[in-house]
Amino acid sequence: MNSTVVLLVDDEVPFVEAMNRRLNKRNLTVYAAFSGEEALARLDEGHPIDVVILDVKMPGMDGIETLREIKRIQPLVEVLLLTGHASVETSIEGMKQGAFDYLLKPMKFEDLLTKMAQAFEKKATHDKKIRDAKIQELIRYPSRVFEQE
């Protein structure tokens, strides 16, 4: 999981700062955002995000609304929801909207790392399938490459 790029989204600054330090110690690249709007701006910057850790309850654009937009912009990115104040039902709604899984705050850091590794593996599998399909298409129809130019 060393090459994983994480977008950490939570409105609680001390939580984000502490998680950022802990994840950086694991040699993960971490981008922080303190709101749903800021998370979407981070995605627009073009960083190759693998896993988003997203708080469900935030002022302004909440986690579920942010999740919908993230999945619209980058459908293959995996999203882990964190909830401390929201109900489990809200997290289940997030799963229906495409979240990989959810964790209840406070959580054990090792549990978060396990979920992140699983989410990264799922994304890597999807990415490989897409690359393989593109290669197969190029092998079958090499002229299509030149048709686009």
Protein backbone atom coordinates (compact mmCIF):
# COMPACT_ATOMS: atom_id res chain seq x y z
CA MET A 1 0.00 0.00 0.00
CA ASN A 2 3.06 2.29 -0.08
CA SER A 3 2.08 3.97 -3.35
CA THR A 4 -1.44 4.78 -2.20
CA VAL A 5 -2.59 8.37 -2.54
CA VAL A 6 -5.21 9.38 0.00
CA LEU A 7 -7.60 12.32 0.13
CA LEU A 8 -8.58 12.91 3.76
CA VAL A 9 -11.78 14.97 4.13
CA ASP A 10 -13.00 16.07 7.56
CA ASP A 11 -14.03 19.41 9.03
CA GLU A 12 -12.24 18.69 12.34
CA VAL A 13 -8.78 20.24 11.85
CA PRO A 14 -7.07 18.45 14.79
CA PHE A 15 -8.36 15.08 13.53
CA VAL A 16 -7.09 15.75 10.00
CA GLU A 17 -3.70 16.90 11.27
CA ALA A 18 -3.29 13.83 13.51
CA MET A 19 -4.40 11.41 10.78
CA ASN A 20 -2.19 13.13 8.23
CA ARG A 21 0.87 12.62 10.48
CA ARG A 22 0.02 8.97 11.12
CA LEU A 23 -0.63 8.18 7.46
CA ASN A 24 2.54 9.98 6.36
CA LYS A 25 4.52 7.77 8.75
CA ARG A 26 3.20 4.84 6.69
CA ASN A 27 4.71 6.43 3.56
CA LEU A 28 1.30 7.30 2.14
CA THR A 29 0.75 10.48 0.15
CA VAL A 30 -2.02 12.43 1.84
CA TYR A 31 -3.97 15.44 0.60
CA ALA A 32 -6.20 17.10 3.16
CA ALA A 33 -9.50 18.87 2.68
CA PHE A 34 -11.64 20.41 5.39
CA SER A 35 -14.97 20.48 3.52
CA GLY A 36 -16.79 18.76 0.71
CA GLU A 37 -16.21 21.73 -1.54
CA GLU A 38 -12.47 21.67 -0.83
CA ALA A 39 -12.37 17.92 -1.51
CA LEU A 40 -13.87 18.47 -4.96
CA ALA A 41 -11.35 21.24 -5.61
CA ARG A 42 -8.54 18.81 -4.69
CA LEU A 43 -9.90 16.30 -7.20
CA ASP A 44 -9.97 19.05 -9.84
CA GLU A 45 -6.24 19.61 -9.24
CA GLY A 46 -5.63 16.30 -11.00
CA HIS A 47 -3.98 14.36 -8.19
CA PRO A 48 -4.23 10.59 -8.81
CA ILE A 49 -6.34 9.79 -5.74
CA ASP A 50 -6.75 6.11 -4.87
CA VAL A 51 -8.75 6.26 -1.65
CA VAL A 52 -10.86 9.02 -0.12
CA ILE A 53 -11.45 9.01 3.63
CA LEU A 54 -14.61 11.06 4.00
CA ASP A 55 -16.41 12.29 7.09
CA VAL A 56 -20.17 11.94 6.75
CA LYS A 57 -21.22 14.88 8.91
CA MET A 58 -19.77 18.20 7.79
CA PRO A 59 -21.22 21.70 7.55
CA GLY A 60 -22.13 22.89 4.07
CA MET A 61 -21.74 20.04 1.62
CA ASP A 62 -22.15 16.91 3.76
CA GLY A 63 -20.34 13.62 3.20
CA ILE A 64 -23.11 11.91 1.22
CA GLU A 65 -23.45 14.84 -1.18
CA THR A 66 -19.65 14.98 -1.50
CA LEU A 67 -19.57 11.23 -2.16
CA ARG A 68 -22.08 11.60 -5.00
CA GLU A 69 -19.95 14.28 -6.63
CA ILE A 70 -16.71 12.35 -6.14
CA LYS A 71 -18.24 9.28 -7.81
CA ARG A 72 -19.54 11.43 -10.65
CA ILE A 73 -16.10 12.96 -11.25
CA GLN A 74 -13.94 9.88 -10.56
CA PRO A 75 -16.14 6.77 -10.48
CA LEU A 76 -13.27 4.38 -9.79
CA VAL A 77 -11.90 6.12 -6.72
CA GLU A 78 -12.74 4.20 -3.55
CA VAL A 79 -14.36 6.09 -0.67
CA LEU A 80 -14.29 5.12 3.00
CA LEU A 81 -16.89 6.91 5.09
CA LEU A 82 -16.20 7.92 8.68
CA THR A 83 -19.06 8.67 10.98
CA GLY A 84 -19.10 9.74 14.59
CA HIS A 85 -22.31 11.70 14.75
CA ALA A 86 -24.35 10.36 11.85
CA SER A 87 -26.45 7.25 12.05
CA VAL A 88 -25.47 3.89 10.65
CA GLU A 89 -28.39 4.33 8.24
CA THR A 90 -26.64 7.38 6.76
CA SER A 91 -23.51 5.30 6.23
CA ILE A 92 -25.55 2.57 4.57
CA GLU A 93 -27.00 5.23 2.27
CA GLY A 94 -23.41 6.13 1.45
CA MET A 95 -22.72 2.51 0.56
CA LYS A 96 -25.69 2.60 -1.81
CA GLN A 97 -24.15 5.71 -3.39
CA GLY A 98 -20.90 3.86 -4.08
CA ALA A 99 -18.81 4.07 -0.92
CA PHE A 100 -16.47 1.13 -0.36
CA ASP A 101 -17.24 0.83 3.36
CA TYR A 102 -17.64 2.87 6.54
CA LEU A 103 -16.05 3.05 9.96
CA LEU A 104 -17.46 4.46 13.18
CA LYS A 105 -15.40 7.13 14.94
CA PRO A 106 -13.49 6.69 17.10
CA MET A 107 -11.88 3.79 15.28
CA LYS A 108 -8.68 1.86 15.67
CA PHE A 109 -6.00 3.13 13.32
CA GLU A 110 -5.18 -0.44 12.27
CA ASP A 111 -8.83 -0.96 11.26
CA LEU A 112 -8.61 2.13 9.06
CA LEU A 113 -5.38 0.86 7.46
CA THR A 114 -6.99 -2.53 6.79
CA LYS A 115 -10.02 -0.94 5.11
CA MET A 116 -7.75 1.35 3.10
CA ALA A 117 -5.69 -1.60 1.89
CA GLN A 118 -8.86 -3.44 0.85
CA ALA A 119 -10.18 -0.35 -0.95
CA PHE A 120 -6.85 0.19 -2.71
CA GLU A 121 -6.77 -3.46 -3.81
CA LYS A 122 -10.27 -3.15 -5.25
CA LYS A 123 -9.30 -0.01 -7.16
CA ALA A 124 -6.09 -1.61 -8.42
CA THR A 125 -8.07 -4.61 -9.68
CA HIS A 126 -10.51 -2.33 -11.53
CA ASP A 127 -7.64 -0.30 -13.00
CA LYS A 128 -5.92 -3.47 -14.23
CA LYS A 129 -9.11 -4.73 -15.88
CA ILE A 130 -9.51 -1.43 -17.71
CA ARG A 131 -5.86 -1.43 -18.86
CA ASP A 132 -6.16 -5.05 -20.02
CA ALA A 133 -9.33 -4.28 -21.97
CA LYS A 134 -7.67 -1.31 -23.67
CA ILE A 135 -4.65 -3.43 -24.60
CA GLN A 136 -6.89 -6.13 -26.01
CA GLU A 137 -8.77 -3.55 -28.05
CA LEU A 138 -5.50 -2.19 -29.44
CA ILE A 139 -4.38 -5.70 -30.35
CA ARG A 140 -7.67 -6.48 -32.10
CA TYR A 141 -8.17 -3.08 -33.75
CA PRO A 142 -4.79 -1.31 -34.11
CA SER A 143 -6.21 1.03 -36.76
CA ARG A 144 -8.46 2.66 -34.15
CA VAL A 145 -5.42 4.31 -32.61
CA PHE A 146 -4.81 6.21 -35.85
CA GLU A 147 -8.48 6.98 -36.47
CA GLN A 148 -8.51 9.31 -33.45
CA GLU A 149 -5.61 11.46 -34.67
